[in-house]
Amino acid sequence: MATDRPRYTVSVDPELFQRIEDFRFEHRFQTRSEATVELIRLGLEALEKSEAGEKPAKK
């Protein structure tokens, strides 16, 4: 299936691979790529929320 989306390869250790697979099956994603994209999206959203909640350091 052709796509205009950028692609790249990521290597992970077996434990992280299994966690991604578990997430994929628990959330019924058809492909590992879909599950990985969702995990990245969720992680970035959590990071943005935590950074937004941080108070600036006092001088």
C-alpha atoms as a PDB file:
ATOM      1  CA  MET A   1       0.000   0.000   0.000  1.00  0.00           C
ATOM      2  CA  ALA A   2       1.588   3.287  -1.099  1.00  0.00           C
ATOM      3  CA  THR A   3       1.609   6.236   1.255  1.00  0.00           C
ATOM      4  CA  ASP A   4       2.867   9.807   1.242  1.00  0.00           C
ATOM      5  CA  ARG A   5       3.727   9.612   4.928  1.00  0.00           C
ATOM      6  CA  PRO A   6       7.396   9.677   5.934  1.00  0.00           C
ATOM      7  CA  ARG A   7       8.762   6.312   7.051  1.00  0.00           C
ATOM      8  CA  TYR A   8      11.608   5.252   9.293  1.00  0.00           C
ATOM      9  CA  THR A   9      12.809   2.150  11.083  1.00  0.00           C
ATOM     10  CA  VAL A  10      13.159   1.756  14.832  1.00  0.00           C
ATOM     11  CA  SER A  11      14.943  -1.051  16.652  1.00  0.00           C
ATOM     12  CA  VAL A  12      13.769  -1.956  20.150  1.00  0.00           C
ATOM     13  CA  ASP A  13      14.797  -4.484  22.755  1.00  0.00           C
ATOM     14  CA  PRO A  14      12.660  -7.627  23.164  1.00  0.00           C
ATOM     15  CA  GLU A  15      10.941  -6.334  26.335  1.00  0.00           C
ATOM     16  CA  LEU A  16       9.796  -3.100  24.674  1.00  0.00           C
ATOM     17  CA  PHE A  17       8.746  -5.033  21.579  1.00  0.00           C
ATOM     18  CA  GLN A  18       6.527  -7.250  23.736  1.00  0.00           C
ATOM     19  CA  ARG A  19       4.995  -4.237  25.467  1.00  0.00           C
ATOM     20  CA  ILE A  20       4.141  -2.729  22.072  1.00  0.00           C
ATOM     21  CA  GLU A  21       2.638  -6.035  20.953  1.00  0.00           C
ATOM     22  CA  ASP A  22       0.595  -6.302  24.164  1.00  0.00           C
ATOM     23  CA  PHE A  23      -0.705  -2.745  23.648  1.00  0.00           C
ATOM     24  CA  ARG A  24      -1.525  -3.578  20.029  1.00  0.00           C
ATOM     25  CA  PHE A  25      -3.605  -6.620  20.903  1.00  0.00           C
ATOM     26  CA  GLU A  26      -5.279  -5.072  23.959  1.00  0.00           C
ATOM     27  CA  HIS A  27      -6.421  -2.096  21.878  1.00  0.00           C
ATOM     28  CA  ARG A  28      -7.135  -4.154  18.751  1.00  0.00           C
ATOM     29  CA  PHE A  29      -4.869  -2.315  16.325  1.00  0.00           C
ATOM     30  CA  GLN A  30      -4.570  -4.177  13.045  1.00  0.00           C
ATOM     31  CA  THR A  31      -0.896  -3.384  12.568  1.00  0.00           C
ATOM     32  CA  ARG A  32       2.133  -2.828  14.744  1.00  0.00           C
ATOM     33  CA  SER A  33       2.681   0.492  12.953  1.00  0.00           C
ATOM     34  CA  GLU A  34      -0.764   1.773  13.968  1.00  0.00           C
ATOM     35  CA  ALA A  35      -0.116   0.806  17.583  1.00  0.00           C
ATOM     36  CA  THR A  36       3.329   2.410  17.560  1.00  0.00           C
ATOM     37  CA  VAL A  37       1.995   5.658  16.098  1.00  0.00           C
ATOM     38  CA  GLU A  38      -0.694   5.756  18.807  1.00  0.00           C
ATOM     39  CA  LEU A  39       1.879   5.156  21.541  1.00  0.00           C
ATOM     40  CA  ILE A  40       4.049   7.968  20.171  1.00  0.00           C
ATOM     41  CA  ARG A  41       1.032  10.298  19.991  1.00  0.00           C
ATOM     42  CA  LEU A  42       0.011   9.457  23.564  1.00  0.00           C
ATOM     43  CA  GLY A  43       3.565   9.945  24.804  1.00  0.00           C
ATOM     44  CA  LEU A  44       3.920  13.328  23.113  1.00  0.00           C
ATOM     45  CA  GLU A  45       0.571  14.493  24.498  1.00  0.00           C
ATOM     46  CA  ALA A  46       1.591  13.421  28.013  1.00  0.00           C
ATOM     47  CA  LEU A  47       4.914  15.226  27.630  1.00  0.00           C
ATOM     48  CA  GLU A  48       3.199  18.402  26.458  1.00  0.00           C
ATOM     49  CA  LYS A  49       0.782  18.266  29.402  1.00  0.00           C
ATOM     50  CA  SER A  50       3.555  17.735  31.929  1.00  0.00           C
ATOM     51  CA  GLU A  51       5.621  20.570  30.453  1.00  0.00           C
ATOM     52  CA  ALA A  52       2.606  22.879  30.435  1.00  0.00           C
ATOM     53  CA  GLY A  53       2.028  22.145  34.113  1.00  0.00           C
ATOM     54  CA  GLU A  54       5.589  22.962  35.125  1.00  0.00           C
ATOM     55  CA  LYS A  55       6.151  26.243  36.884  1.00  0.00           C
ATOM     56  CA  PRO A  56       8.998  28.451  35.662  1.00  0.00           C
ATOM     57  CA  ALA A  57      12.088  28.316  37.850  1.00  0.00           C
ATOM     58  CA  LYS A  58      12.511  31.263  40.197  1.00  0.00           C
ATOM     59  CA  LYS A  59      15.688  33.307  39.926  1.00  0.00           C
END
